[in-house]
Amino acid sequence: MINPSKPNEIICITLIYLPTQMGAVPTFVAFDQYSHYCFFAEPVEVLNEATMMKVVGKLMNHDEFQRIDHKGFSLIVDFGEDILEDLKLIVQEHEGSVRYEPELVKEATEADLQALFEKIGMG
């Protein structure tokens, strides 16, 4: 269970596949676990380690992330286990930590993803 006490304290980012006419598109989606606000969605053409690192870097520089104090934040991911040390370096530059916990991300984002899918007509 995740119990943040303020915005941007705990961010969960997950990889989903959005259906399109051209097929499923891998998309990274990040939720602030305090507000359950989806502030980041990044579709990608190619899913590989370089893309994962680039997406985490973009998340760290996203306006909505930068807008609120995030010192000491935790980023919890369900991807990139093989590149966790690289992801840690990116996140540490922004005074945070990263953890690979797929089951926790699934549990924490399930209701948020359902609400998102309903909002975009997929639920």
PDB file of N, CA and C in Angstrom:
ATOM      1  N   MET A   1       0.840  -1.179   0.000  1.00  0.00           N
ATOM      2  CA  MET A   1       0.000   0.000   0.000  1.00  0.00           C
ATOM      3  C   MET A   1       0.887   1.245   0.000  1.00  0.00           C
ATOM      4  N   ILE A   2       0.430   2.265  -0.693  1.00  0.00           N
ATOM      5  CA  ILE A   2       1.164   3.523  -0.807  1.00  0.00           C
ATOM      6  C   ILE A   2       0.355   4.606  -0.108  1.00  0.00           C
ATOM      7  N   ASN A   3       0.994   5.341   0.798  1.00  0.00           N
ATOM      8  CA  ASN A   3       0.308   6.401   1.539  1.00  0.00           C
ATOM      9  C   ASN A   3       1.130   7.680   1.553  1.00  0.00           C
ATOM     10  N   PRO A   4       1.175   8.410   0.432  1.00  0.00           N
ATOM     11  CA  PRO A   4       1.933   9.659   0.422  1.00  0.00           C
ATOM     12  C   PRO A   4       1.235  10.725   1.268  1.00  0.00           C
ATOM     13  N   SER A   5       2.011  11.677   1.754  1.00  0.00           N
ATOM     14  CA  SER A   5       1.454  12.753   2.568  1.00  0.00           C
ATOM     15  C   SER A   5       1.411  14.095   1.838  1.00  0.00           C
ATOM     16  N   LYS A   6       1.942  14.117   0.603  1.00  0.00           N
ATOM     17  CA  LYS A   6       1.949  15.363  -0.172  1.00  0.00           C
ATOM     18  C   LYS A   6       2.105  15.036  -1.656  1.00  0.00           C
ATOM     19  N   PRO A   7       1.754  16.000  -2.523  1.00  0.00           N
ATOM     20  CA  PRO A   7       1.929  15.791  -3.967  1.00  0.00           C
ATOM     21  C   PRO A   7       3.395  15.560  -4.325  1.00  0.00           C
ATOM     22  N   ASN A   8       3.612  14.783  -5.357  1.00  0.00           N
ATOM     23  CA  ASN A   8       4.941  14.475  -5.902  1.00  0.00           C
ATOM     24  C   ASN A   8       5.846  13.726  -4.927  1.00  0.00           C
ATOM     25  N   GLU A   9       5.296  13.169  -3.886  1.00  0.00           N
ATOM     26  CA  GLU A   9       6.103  12.382  -2.962  1.00  0.00           C
ATOM     27  C   GLU A   9       6.347  10.982  -3.524  1.00  0.00           C
ATOM     28  N   ILE A  10       5.299  10.416  -4.114  1.00  0.00           N
ATOM     29  CA  ILE A  10       5.399   9.095  -4.728  1.00  0.00           C
ATOM     30  C   ILE A  10       4.746   9.148  -6.103  1.00  0.00           C
ATOM     31  N   ILE A  11       5.526   8.805  -7.113  1.00  0.00           N
ATOM     32  CA  ILE A  11       5.051   8.781  -8.494  1.00  0.00           C
ATOM     33  C   ILE A  11       5.155   7.342  -8.986  1.00  0.00           C
ATOM     34  N   CYS A  12       4.064   6.836  -9.540  1.00  0.00           N
ATOM     35  CA  CYS A  12       4.093   5.519 -10.183  1.00  0.00           C
ATOM     36  C   CYS A  12       4.026   5.735 -11.681  1.00  0.00           C
ATOM     37  N   ILE A  13       4.928   5.104 -12.402  1.00  0.00           N
ATOM     38  CA  ILE A  13       4.893   5.162 -13.860  1.00  0.00           C
ATOM     39  C   ILE A  13       4.794   3.733 -14.367  1.00  0.00           C
ATOM     40  N   THR A  14       3.868   3.555 -15.299  1.00  0.00           N
ATOM     41  CA  THR A  14       3.605   2.223 -15.818  1.00  0.00           C
ATOM     42  C   THR A  14       3.571   2.251 -17.336  1.00  0.00           C
ATOM     43  N   LEU A  15       3.760   1.106 -17.894  1.00  0.00           N
ATOM     44  CA  LEU A  15       3.714   0.937 -19.345  1.00  0.00           C
ATOM     45  C   LEU A  15       2.394   0.274 -19.710  1.00  0.00           C
ATOM     46  N   ILE A  16       1.630   0.933 -20.568  1.00  0.00           N
ATOM     47  CA  ILE A  16       0.372   0.366 -21.063  1.00  0.00           C
ATOM     48  C   ILE A  16       0.434   0.333 -22.582  1.00  0.00           C
ATOM     49  N   TYR A  17      -0.501  -0.369 -23.177  1.00  0.00           N
ATOM     50  CA  TYR A  17      -0.587  -0.434 -24.637  1.00  0.00           C
ATOM     51  C   TYR A  17      -1.947   0.103 -25.054  1.00  0.00           C
ATOM     52  N   LEU A  18      -1.930   1.230 -25.764  1.00  0.00           N
ATOM     53  CA  LEU A  18      -3.174   1.835 -26.226  1.00  0.00           C
ATOM     54  C   LEU A  18      -3.493   1.333 -27.628  1.00  0.00           C
ATOM     55  N   PRO A  19      -4.725   0.871 -27.830  1.00  0.00           N
ATOM     56  CA  PRO A  19      -5.102   0.390 -29.157  1.00  0.00           C
ATOM     57  C   PRO A  19      -5.295   1.551 -30.130  1.00  0.00           C
ATOM     58  N   THR A  20      -4.774   1.376 -31.326  1.00  0.00           N
ATOM     59  CA  THR A  20      -4.990   2.342 -32.408  1.00  0.00           C
ATOM     60  C   THR A  20      -5.324   1.557 -33.669  1.00  0.00           C
ATOM     61  N   GLN A  21      -5.667   2.253 -34.718  1.00  0.00           N
ATOM     62  CA  GLN A  21      -5.946   1.572 -35.981  1.00  0.00           C
ATOM     63  C   GLN A  21      -4.702   0.902 -36.542  1.00  0.00           C
ATOM     64  N   MET A  22      -3.545   1.371 -36.131  1.00  0.00           N
ATOM     65  CA  MET A  22      -2.283   0.809 -36.618  1.00  0.00           C
ATOM     66  C   MET A  22      -1.738  -0.278 -35.687  1.00  0.00           C
ATOM     67  N   GLY A  23      -2.474  -0.589 -34.629  1.00  0.00           N
ATOM     68  CA  GLY A  23      -2.022  -1.576 -33.658  1.00  0.00           C
ATOM     69  C   GLY A  23      -1.814  -0.945 -32.294  1.00  0.00           C
ATOM     70  N   ALA A  24      -1.377  -1.740 -31.352  1.00  0.00           N
ATOM     71  CA  ALA A  24      -1.165  -1.263 -29.988  1.00  0.00           C
ATOM     72  C   ALA A  24       0.091  -0.397 -29.906  1.00  0.00           C
ATOM     73  N   VAL A  25      -0.031   0.739 -29.225  1.00  0.00           N
ATOM     74  CA  VAL A  25       1.082   1.670 -29.075  1.00  0.00           C
ATOM     75  C   VAL A  25       1.548   1.648 -27.620  1.00  0.00           C
ATOM     76  N   PRO A  26       2.822   1.289 -27.370  1.00  0.00           N
ATOM     77  CA  PRO A  26       3.322   1.346 -26.002  1.00  0.00           C
ATOM     78  C   PRO A  26       3.330   2.791 -25.508  1.00  0.00           C
ATOM     79  N   THR A  27       2.781   2.985 -24.315  1.00  0.00           N
ATOM     80  CA  THR A  27       2.634   4.326 -23.754  1.00  0.00           C
ATOM     81  C   THR A  27       2.970   4.285 -22.269  1.00  0.00           C
ATOM     82  N   PHE A  28       3.815   5.195 -21.848  1.00  0.00           N
ATOM     83  CA  PHE A  28       4.157   5.322 -20.437  1.00  0.00           C
ATOM     84  C   PHE A  28       3.207   6.332 -19.814  1.00  0.00           C
ATOM     85  N   VAL A  29       2.653   5.997 -18.654  1.00  0.00           N
ATOM     86  CA  VAL A  29       1.709   6.863 -17.961  1.00  0.00           C
ATOM     87  C   VAL A  29       2.156   6.997 -16.512  1.00  0.00           C
ATOM     88  N   ALA A  30       2.210   8.245 -16.005  1.00  0.00           N
ATOM     89  CA  ALA A  30       2.639   8.496 -14.634  1.00  0.00           C
ATOM     90  C   ALA A  30       1.507   9.129 -13.830  1.00  0.00           C
ATOM     91  N   PHE A  31       1.351   8.633 -12.610  1.00  0.00           N
ATOM     92  CA  PHE A  31       0.338   9.139 -11.690  1.00  0.00           C
ATOM     93  C   PHE A  31       0.995   9.585 -10.393  1.00  0.00           C
ATOM     94  N   ASP A  32       0.593  10.759  -9.932  1.00  0.00           N
ATOM     95  CA  ASP A  32       0.962  11.208  -8.593  1.00  0.00           C
ATOM     96  C   ASP A  32       0.073  10.433  -7.624  1.00  0.00           C
ATOM     97  N   GLN A  33       0.677   9.720  -6.702  1.00  0.00           N
ATOM     98  CA  GLN A  33      -0.099   8.856  -5.821  1.00  0.00           C
ATOM     99  C   GLN A  33      -0.809   9.604  -4.695  1.00  0.00           C
ATOM    100  N   TYR A  34      -0.544  10.884  -4.528  1.00  0.00           N
ATOM    101  CA  TYR A  34      -1.266  11.685  -3.542  1.00  0.00           C
ATOM    102  C   TYR A  34      -2.595  12.157  -4.130  1.00  0.00           C
ATOM    103  N   SER A  35      -2.539  12.743  -5.318  1.00  0.00           N
ATOM    104  CA  SER A  35      -3.744  13.297  -5.952  1.00  0.00           C
ATOM    105  C   SER A  35      -4.392  12.336  -6.944  1.00  0.00           C
ATOM    106  N   HIS A  36      -3.649  11.322  -7.355  1.00  0.00           N
ATOM    107  CA  HIS A  36      -4.061  10.366  -8.391  1.00  0.00           C
ATOM    108  C   HIS A  36      -4.235  11.055  -9.745  1.00  0.00           C
ATOM    109  N   TYR A  37      -3.548  12.156  -9.896  1.00  0.00           N
ATOM    110  CA  TYR A  37      -3.562  12.926 -11.133  1.00  0.00           C
ATOM    111  C   TYR A  37      -2.612  12.284 -12.143  1.00  0.00           C
ATOM    112  N   CYS A  38      -3.113  12.067 -13.341  1.00  0.00           N
ATOM    113  CA  CYS A  38      -2.277  11.563 -14.427  1.00  0.00           C
ATOM    114  C   CYS A  38      -1.636  12.778 -15.091  1.00  0.00           C
ATOM    115  N   PHE A  39      -0.364  12.996 -14.842  1.00  0.00           N
ATOM    116  CA  PHE A  39       0.268  14.199 -15.372  1.00  0.00           C
ATOM    117  C   PHE A  39       1.251  13.925 -16.502  1.00  0.00           C
ATOM    118  N   PHE A  40       1.360  12.688 -16.908  1.00  0.00           N
ATOM    119  CA  PHE A  40       2.358  12.391 -17.932  1.00  0.00           C
ATOM    120  C   PHE A  40       1.919  11.165 -18.716  1.00  0.00           C
ATOM    121  N   ALA A  41       1.859  11.301 -20.022  1.00  0.00           N
ATOM    122  CA  ALA A  41       1.603  10.166 -20.907  1.00  0.00           C
ATOM    123  C   ALA A  41       2.519  10.326 -22.108  1.00  0.00           C
ATOM    124  N   GLU A  42       3.295   9.306 -22.385  1.00  0.00           N
ATOM    125  CA  GLU A  42       4.293   9.380 -23.449  1.00  0.00           C
ATOM    126  C   GLU A  42       4.222   8.131 -24.321  1.00  0.00           C
ATOM    127  N   PRO A  43       3.569   8.244 -25.490  1.00  0.00           N
ATOM    128  CA  PRO A  43       3.603   7.112 -26.429  1.00  0.00           C
ATOM    129  C   PRO A  43       4.980   7.019 -27.067  1.00  0.00           C
ATOM    130  N   VAL A  44       5.414   5.800 -27.359  1.00  0.00           N
ATOM    131  CA  VAL A  44       6.731   5.604 -27.966  1.00  0.00           C
ATOM    132  C   VAL A  44       6.603   4.699 -29.185  1.00  0.00           C
ATOM    133  N   GLU A  45       7.480   4.904 -30.130  1.00  0.00           N
ATOM    134  CA  GLU A  45       7.475   4.078 -31.336  1.00  0.00           C
ATOM    135  C   GLU A  45       8.208   2.769 -31.123  1.00  0.00           C
ATOM    136  N   VAL A  46       9.339   2.855 -30.430  1.00  0.00           N
ATOM    137  CA  VAL A  46      10.174   1.682 -30.202  1.00  0.00           C
ATOM    138  C   VAL A  46      10.354   1.520 -28.694  1.00  0.00           C
ATOM    139  N   LEU A  47      10.109   0.329 -28.210  1.00  0.00           N
ATOM    140  CA  LEU A  47      10.257   0.066 -26.785  1.00  0.00           C
ATOM    141  C   LEU A  47      11.578  -0.662 -26.550  1.00  0.00           C
ATOM    142  N   ASN A  48      12.547   0.076 -26.029  1.00  0.00           N
ATOM    143  CA  ASN A  48      13.845  -0.515 -25.699  1.00  0.00           C
ATOM    144  C   ASN A  48      14.423   0.223 -24.489  1.00  0.00           C
ATOM    145  N   GLU A  49      15.590  -0.170 -24.066  1.00  0.00           N
ATOM    146  CA  GLU A  49      16.191   0.419 -22.871  1.00  0.00           C
ATOM    147  C   GLU A  49      16.459   1.915 -23.034  1.00  0.00           C
ATOM    148  N   ALA A  50      16.933   2.317 -24.203  1.00  0.00           N
ATOM    149  CA  ALA A  50      17.208   3.737 -24.448  1.00  0.00           C
ATOM    150  C   ALA A  50      15.922   4.556 -24.350  1.00  0.00           C
ATOM    151  N   THR A  51      14.837   4.019 -24.877  1.00  0.00           N
ATOM    152  CA  THR A  51      13.553   4.707 -24.807  1.00  0.00           C
ATOM    153  C   THR A  51      13.090   4.836 -23.360  1.00  0.00           C
ATOM    154  N   MET A  52      13.248   3.776 -22.580  1.00  0.00           N
ATOM    155  CA  MET A  52      12.843   3.817 -21.172  1.00  0.00           C
ATOM    156  C   MET A  52      13.593   4.909 -20.420  1.00  0.00           C
ATOM    157  N   MET A  53      14.893   5.010 -20.643  1.00  0.00           N
ATOM    158  CA  MET A  53      15.686   6.039 -19.974  1.00  0.00           C
ATOM    159  C   MET A  53      15.265   7.433 -20.434  1.00  0.00           C
ATOM    160  N   LYS A  54      15.004   7.582 -21.719  1.00  0.00           N
ATOM    161  CA  LYS A  54      14.570   8.869 -22.258  1.00  0.00           C
ATOM    162  C   LYS A  54      13.237   9.292 -21.647  1.00  0.00           C
ATOM    163  N   VAL A  55      12.312   8.346 -21.511  1.00  0.00           N
ATOM    164  CA  VAL A  55      10.998   8.647 -20.944  1.00  0.00           C
ATOM    165  C   VAL A  55      11.120   9.086 -19.489  1.00  0.00           C
ATOM    166  N   VAL A  56      11.947   8.411 -18.712  1.00  0.00           N
ATOM    167  CA  VAL A  56      12.131   8.804 -17.317  1.00  0.00           C
ATOM    168  C   VAL A  56      12.752  10.203 -17.251  1.00  0.00           C
ATOM    169  N   GLY A  57      13.686  10.495 -18.124  1.00  0.00           N
ATOM    170  CA  GLY A  57      14.265  11.842 -18.185  1.00  0.00           C
ATOM    171  C   GLY A  57      13.224  12.892 -18.530  1.00  0.00           C
ATOM    172  N   LYS A  58      12.336  12.583 -19.474  1.00  0.00           N
ATOM    173  CA  LYS A  58      11.271  13.522 -19.834  1.00  0.00           C
ATOM    174  C   LYS A  58      10.303  13.728 -18.675  1.00  0.00           C
ATOM    175  N   LEU A  59      10.008  12.655 -17.958  1.00  0.00           N
ATOM    176  CA  LEU A  59       9.135  12.769 -16.795  1.00  0.00           C
ATOM    177  C   LEU A  59       9.743  13.701 -15.759  1.00  0.00           C
ATOM    178  N   MET A  60      11.037  13.551 -15.494  1.00  0.00           N
ATOM    179  CA  MET A  60      11.708  14.378 -14.491  1.00  0.00           C
ATOM    180  C   MET A  60      11.691  15.860 -14.872  1.00  0.00           C
ATOM    181  N   ASN A  61      11.630  16.150 -16.155  1.00  0.00           N
ATOM    182  CA  ASN A  61      11.636  17.537 -16.628  1.00  0.00           C
ATOM    183  C   ASN A  61      10.255  18.047 -17.011  1.00  0.00           C
ATOM    184  N   HIS A  62       9.231  17.244 -16.817  1.00  0.00           N
ATOM    185  CA  HIS A  62       7.865  17.626 -17.172  1.00  0.00           C
ATOM    186  C   HIS A  62       7.409  18.803 -16.304  1.00  0.00           C
ATOM    187  N   ASP A  63       6.710  19.755 -16.904  1.00  0.00           N
ATOM    188  CA  ASP A  63       6.263  20.952 -16.190  1.00  0.00           C
ATOM    189  C   ASP A  63       5.465  20.624 -14.934  1.00  0.00           C
ATOM    190  N   GLU A  64       4.559  19.659 -15.018  1.00  0.00           N
ATOM    191  CA  GLU A  64       3.724  19.320 -13.865  1.00  0.00           C
ATOM    192  C   GLU A  64       4.542  18.696 -12.734  1.00  0.00           C
ATOM    193  N   PHE A  65       5.600  17.993 -13.088  1.00  0.00           N
ATOM    194  CA  PHE A  65       6.478  17.432 -12.062  1.00  0.00           C
ATOM    195  C   PHE A  65       7.325  18.531 -11.439  1.00  0.00           C
ATOM    196  N   GLN A  66       7.854  19.416 -12.252  1.00  0.00           N
ATOM    197  CA  GLN A  66       8.722  20.490 -11.782  1.00  0.00           C
ATOM    198  C   GLN A  66       7.960  21.550 -10.985  1.00  0.00           C
ATOM    199  N   ARG A  67       6.674  21.671 -11.241  1.00  0.00           N
ATOM    200  CA  ARG A  67       5.842  22.712 -10.630  1.00  0.00           C
ATOM    201  C   ARG A  67       5.741  22.569  -9.110  1.00  0.00           C
ATOM    202  N   ILE A  68       5.782  21.351  -8.609  1.00  0.00           N
ATOM    203  CA  ILE A  68       5.595  21.086  -7.181  1.00  0.00           C
ATOM    204  C   ILE A  68       6.902  20.555  -6.598  1.00  0.00           C
ATOM    205  N   ASP A  69       7.200  20.968  -5.366  1.00  0.00           N
ATOM    206  CA  ASP A  69       8.399  20.480  -4.680  1.00  0.00           C
ATOM    207  C   ASP A  69       8.416  18.960  -4.702  1.00  0.00           C
ATOM    208  N   HIS A  70       9.521  18.397  -5.134  1.00  0.00           N
ATOM    209  CA  HIS A  70       9.612  16.942  -5.245  1.00  0.00           C
ATOM    210  C   HIS A  70      10.884  16.385  -4.603  1.00  0.00           C
ATOM    211  N   LYS A  71      11.566  17.171  -3.790  1.00  0.00           N
ATOM    212  CA  LYS A  71      12.785  16.683  -3.141  1.00  0.00           C
ATOM    213  C   LYS A  71      12.462  15.455  -2.303  1.00  0.00           C
ATOM    214  N   GLY A  72      13.262  14.415  -2.480  1.00  0.00           N
ATOM    215  CA  GLY A  72      13.070  13.188  -1.725  1.00  0.00           C
ATOM    216  C   GLY A  72      11.960  12.294  -2.248  1.00  0.00           C
ATOM    217  N   PHE A  73      11.488  12.540  -3.460  1.00  0.00           N
ATOM    218  CA  PHE A  73      10.396  11.742  -4.022  1.00  0.00           C
ATOM    219  C   PHE A  73      10.847  10.318  -4.348  1.00  0.00           C
ATOM    220  N   SER A  74       9.875   9.441  -4.494  1.00  0.00           N
ATOM    221  CA  SER A  74      10.118   8.065  -4.938  1.00  0.00           C
ATOM    222  C   SER A  74       9.394   7.840  -6.255  1.00  0.00           C
ATOM    223  N   LEU A  75      10.111   7.307  -7.217  1.00  0.00           N
ATOM    224  CA  LEU A  75       9.533   6.888  -8.489  1.00  0.00           C
ATOM    225  C   LEU A  75       9.472   5.370  -8.458  1.00  0.00           C
ATOM    226  N   ILE A  76       8.271   4.836  -8.636  1.00  0.00           N
ATOM    227  CA  ILE A  76       8.100   3.393  -8.617  1.00  0.00           C
ATOM    228  C   ILE A  76       7.715   2.970 -10.025  1.00  0.00           C
ATOM    229  N   VAL A  77       8.472   2.023 -10.587  1.00  0.00           N
ATOM    230  CA  VAL A  77       8.305   1.625 -11.986  1.00  0.00           C
ATOM    231  C   VAL A  77       7.958   0.144 -12.099  1.00  0.00           C
ATOM    232  N   ASP A  78       7.355  -0.205 -13.236  1.00  0.00           N
ATOM    233  CA  ASP A  78       7.075  -1.621 -13.528  1.00  0.00           C
ATOM    234  C   ASP A  78       7.797  -2.062 -14.803  1.00  0.00           C
ATOM    235  N   PHE A  79       8.851  -1.357 -15.153  1.00  0.00           N
ATOM    236  CA  PHE A  79       9.648  -1.653 -16.344  1.00  0.00           C
ATOM    237  C   PHE A  79      11.102  -1.325 -16.037  1.00  0.00           C
ATOM    238  N   GLY A  80      12.001  -1.809 -16.856  1.00  0.00           N
ATOM    239  CA  GLY A  80      13.404  -1.415 -16.762  1.00  0.00           C
ATOM    240  C   GLY A  80      14.223  -2.083 -15.687  1.00  0.00           C
ATOM    241  N   GLU A  81      13.844  -3.265 -15.273  1.00  0.00           N
ATOM    242  CA  GLU A  81      14.605  -3.938 -14.221  1.00  0.00           C
ATOM    243  C   GLU A  81      16.081  -4.065 -14.592  1.00  0.00           C
ATOM    244  N   ASP A  82      16.371  -4.332 -15.869  1.00  0.00           N
ATOM    245  CA  ASP A  82      17.754  -4.511 -16.319  1.00  0.00           C
ATOM    246  C   ASP A  82      18.553  -3.212 -16.374  1.00  0.00           C
ATOM    247  N   ILE A  83      17.856  -2.080 -16.351  1.00  0.00           N
ATOM    248  CA  ILE A  83      18.544  -0.784 -16.428  1.00  0.00           C
ATOM    249  C   ILE A  83      18.272   0.058 -15.184  1.00  0.00           C
ATOM    250  N   LEU A  84      17.933  -0.594 -14.094  1.00  0.00           N
ATOM    251  CA  LEU A  84      17.564   0.116 -12.869  1.00  0.00           C
ATOM    252  C   LEU A  84      18.674   1.056 -12.395  1.00  0.00           C
ATOM    253  N   GLU A  85      19.924   0.646 -12.507  1.00  0.00           N
ATOM    254  CA  GLU A  85      21.022   1.518 -12.081  1.00  0.00           C
ATOM    255  C   GLU A  85      21.074   2.786 -12.927  1.00  0.00           C
ATOM    256  N   ASP A  86      20.820   2.674 -14.219  1.00  0.00           N
ATOM    257  CA  ASP A  86      20.781   3.857 -15.090  1.00  0.00           C
ATOM    258  C   ASP A  86      19.606   4.764 -14.735  1.00  0.00           C
ATOM    259  N   LEU A  87      18.462   4.151 -14.464  1.00  0.00           N
ATOM    260  CA  LEU A  87      17.286   4.934 -14.070  1.00  0.00           C
ATOM    261  C   LEU A  87      17.542   5.653 -12.748  1.00  0.00           C
ATOM    262  N   LYS A  88      18.237   4.989 -11.829  1.00  0.00           N
ATOM    263  CA  LYS A  88      18.562   5.613 -10.546  1.00  0.00           C
ATOM    264  C   LYS A  88      19.413   6.861 -10.747  1.00  0.00           C
ATOM    265  N   LEU A  89      20.353   6.812 -11.668  1.00  0.00           N
ATOM    266  CA  LEU A  89      21.202   7.977 -11.927  1.00  0.00           C
ATOM    267  C   LEU A  89      20.379   9.162 -12.431  1.00  0.00           C
ATOM    268  N   ILE A  90      19.430   8.881 -13.310  1.00  0.00           N
ATOM    269  CA  ILE A  90      18.570   9.942 -13.848  1.00  0.00           C
ATOM    270  C   ILE A  90      17.731  10.556 -12.733  1.00  0.00           C
ATOM    271  N   VAL A  91      17.136   9.721 -11.914  1.00  0.00           N
ATOM    272  CA  VAL A  91      16.240  10.178 -10.853  1.00  0.00           C
ATOM    273  C   VAL A  91      17.019  10.881  -9.738  1.00  0.00           C
ATOM    274  N   GLN A  92      18.205  10.414  -9.430  1.00  0.00           N
ATOM    275  CA  GLN A  92      19.015  11.037  -8.380  1.00  0.00           C
ATOM    276  C   GLN A  92      19.391  12.474  -8.734  1.00  0.00           C
ATOM    277  N   GLU A  93      19.516  12.767 -10.021  1.00  0.00           N
ATOM    278  CA  GLU A  93      19.801  14.142 -10.450  1.00  0.00           C
ATOM    279  C   GLU A  93      18.682  15.089 -10.030  1.00  0.00           C
ATOM    280  N   HIS A  94      17.498  14.534  -9.781  1.00  0.00           N
ATOM    281  CA  HIS A  94      16.331  15.327  -9.395  1.00  0.00           C
ATOM    282  C   HIS A  94      15.958  15.089  -7.930  1.00  0.00           C
ATOM    283  N   GLU A  95      16.942  14.609  -7.154  1.00  0.00           N
ATOM    284  CA  GLU A  95      16.819  14.430  -5.711  1.00  0.00           C
ATOM    285  C   GLU A  95      15.759  13.403  -5.312  1.00  0.00           C
ATOM    286  N   GLY A  96      15.692  12.315  -6.094  1.00  0.00           N
ATOM    287  CA  GLY A  96      14.740  11.266  -5.782  1.00  0.00           C
ATOM    288  C   GLY A  96      15.356   9.886  -5.833  1.00  0.00           C
ATOM    289  N   SER A  97      14.509   8.903  -5.637  1.00  0.00           N
ATOM    290  CA  SER A  97      14.938   7.507  -5.707  1.00  0.00           C
ATOM    291  C   SER A  97      13.975   6.755  -6.618  1.00  0.00           C
ATOM    292  N   VAL A  98      14.424   5.597  -7.094  1.00  0.00           N
ATOM    293  CA  VAL A  98      13.582   4.790  -7.974  1.00  0.00           C
ATOM    294  C   VAL A  98      13.574   3.357  -7.466  1.00  0.00           C
ATOM    295  N   ARG A  99      12.412   2.723  -7.598  1.00  0.00           N
ATOM    296  CA  ARG A  99      12.271   1.322  -7.201  1.00  0.00           C
ATOM    297  C   ARG A  99      11.533   0.578  -8.305  1.00  0.00           C
ATOM    298  N   TYR A 100      11.951  -0.643  -8.535  1.00  0.00           N
ATOM    299  CA  TYR A 100      11.282  -1.533  -9.480  1.00  0.00           C
ATOM    300  C   TYR A 100      10.372  -2.447  -8.667  1.00  0.00           C
ATOM    301  N   GLU A 101       9.060  -2.194  -8.734  1.00  0.00           N
ATOM    302  CA  GLU A 101       8.082  -2.992  -7.997  1.00  0.00           C
ATOM    303  C   GLU A 101       6.810  -3.136  -8.833  1.00  0.00           C
ATOM    304  N   PRO A 102       6.822  -4.053  -9.804  1.00  0.00           N
ATOM    305  CA  PRO A 102       5.677  -4.201 -10.712  1.00  0.00           C
ATOM    306  C   PRO A 102       4.342  -4.454 -10.021  1.00  0.00           C
ATOM    307  N   GLU A 103       4.329  -5.284  -9.002  1.00  0.00           N
ATOM    308  CA  GLU A 103       3.062  -5.591  -8.330  1.00  0.00           C
ATOM    309  C   GLU A 103       2.507  -4.368  -7.602  1.00  0.00           C
ATOM    310  N   LEU A 104       3.383  -3.594  -6.980  1.00  0.00           N
ATOM    311  CA  LEU A 104       2.957  -2.388  -6.292  1.00  0.00           C
ATOM    312  C   LEU A 104       2.423  -1.357  -7.281  1.00  0.00           C
ATOM    313  N   VAL A 105       3.094  -1.208  -8.420  1.00  0.00           N
ATOM    314  CA  VAL A 105       2.632  -0.277  -9.449  1.00  0.00           C
ATOM    315  C   VAL A 105       1.259  -0.711  -9.964  1.00  0.00           C
ATOM    316  N   LYS A 106       1.094  -2.002 -10.198  1.00  0.00           N
ATOM    317  CA  LYS A 106      -0.191  -2.512 -10.686  1.00  0.00           C
ATOM    318  C   LYS A 106      -1.306  -2.190  -9.697  1.00  0.00           C
ATOM    319  N   GLU A 107      -1.058  -2.473  -8.424  1.00  0.00           N
ATOM    320  CA  GLU A 107      -2.061  -2.213  -7.388  1.00  0.00           C
ATOM    321  C   GLU A 107      -2.357  -0.715  -7.271  1.00  0.00           C
ATOM    322  N   ALA A 108      -1.308   0.102  -7.291  1.00  0.00           N
ATOM    323  CA  ALA A 108      -1.458   1.543  -7.075  1.00  0.00           C
ATOM    324  C   ALA A 108      -2.112   2.262  -8.246  1.00  0.00           C
ATOM    325  N   THR A 109      -1.956   1.734  -9.458  1.00  0.00           N
ATOM    326  CA  THR A 109      -2.466   2.445 -10.639  1.00  0.00           C
ATOM    327  C   THR A 109      -3.740   1.842 -11.213  1.00  0.00           C
ATOM    328  N   GLU A 110      -4.199   0.738 -10.678  1.00  0.00           N
ATOM    329  CA  GLU A 110      -5.359   0.052 -11.253  1.00  0.00           C
ATOM    330  C   GLU A 110      -6.588   0.969 -11.362  1.00  0.00           C
ATOM    331  N   ALA A 111      -6.980   1.604 -10.276  1.00  0.00           N
ATOM    332  CA  ALA A 111      -8.161   2.480 -10.301  1.00  0.00           C
ATOM    333  C   ALA A 111      -7.898   3.721 -11.160  1.00  0.00           C
ATOM    334  N   ASP A 112      -6.664   4.248 -11.100  1.00  0.00           N
ATOM    335  CA  ASP A 112      -6.323   5.424 -11.904  1.00  0.00           C
ATOM    336  C   ASP A 112      -6.402   5.115 -13.394  1.00  0.00           C
ATOM    337  N   LEU A 113      -5.898   3.951 -13.791  1.00  0.00           N
ATOM    338  CA  LEU A 113      -5.953   3.562 -15.200  1.00  0.00           C
ATOM    339  C   LEU A 113      -7.394   3.342 -15.644  1.00  0.00           C
ATOM    340  N   GLN A 114      -8.205   2.723 -14.800  1.00  0.00           N
ATOM    341  CA  GLN A 114      -9.607   2.511 -15.142  1.00  0.00           C
ATOM    342  C   GLN A 114     -10.311   3.843 -15.373  1.00  0.00           C
ATOM    343  N   ALA A 115     -10.063   4.812 -14.497  1.00  0.00           N
ATOM    344  CA  ALA A 115     -10.658   6.140 -14.652  1.00  0.00           C
ATOM    345  C   ALA A 115     -10.161   6.808 -15.934  1.00  0.00           C
ATOM    346  N   LEU A 116      -8.878   6.656 -16.227  1.00  0.00           N
ATOM    347  CA  LEU A 116      -8.319   7.225 -17.449  1.00  0.00           C
ATOM    348  C   LEU A 116      -8.958   6.588 -18.679  1.00  0.00           C
ATOM    349  N   PHE A 117      -9.069   5.263 -18.685  1.00  0.00           N
ATOM    350  CA  PHE A 117      -9.658   4.572 -19.824  1.00  0.00           C
ATOM    351  C   PHE A 117     -11.120   4.981 -20.019  1.00  0.00           C
ATOM    352  N   GLU A 118     -11.846   5.153 -18.942  1.00  0.00           N
ATOM    353  CA  GLU A 118     -13.243   5.604 -19.041  1.00  0.00           C
ATOM    354  C   GLU A 118     -13.312   7.008 -19.624  1.00  0.00           C
ATOM    355  N   LYS A 119     -12.401   7.847 -19.198  1.00  0.00           N
ATOM    356  CA  LYS A 119     -12.374   9.231 -19.668  1.00  0.00           C
ATOM    357  C   LYS A 119     -12.094   9.324 -21.176  1.00  0.00           C
ATOM    358  N   ILE A 120     -11.272   8.416 -21.680  1.00  0.00           N
ATOM    359  CA  ILE A 120     -10.941   8.468 -23.105  1.00  0.00           C
ATOM    360  C   ILE A 120     -11.788   7.488 -23.926  1.00  0.00           C
ATOM    361  N   GLY A 121     -12.827   6.931 -23.289  1.00  0.00           N
ATOM    362  CA  GLY A 121     -13.763   6.081 -24.006  1.00  0.00           C
ATOM    363  C   GLY A 121     -13.327   4.663 -24.229  1.00  0.00           C
ATOM    364  N   MET A 122     -12.433   4.170 -23.365  1.00  0.00           N
ATOM    365  CA  MET A 122     -11.961   2.787 -23.509  1.00  0.00           C
ATOM    366  C   MET A 122     -12.451   1.891 -22.371  1.00  0.00           C
ATOM    367  N   GLY A 123     -13.207   2.453 -21.420  1.00  0.00           N
ATOM    368  CA  GLY A 123     -13.570   1.689 -20.235  1.00  0.00           C
ATOM    369  C   GLY A 123     -14.935   1.112 -20.246  1.00  0.00           C
TER     370      GLY A 123
END
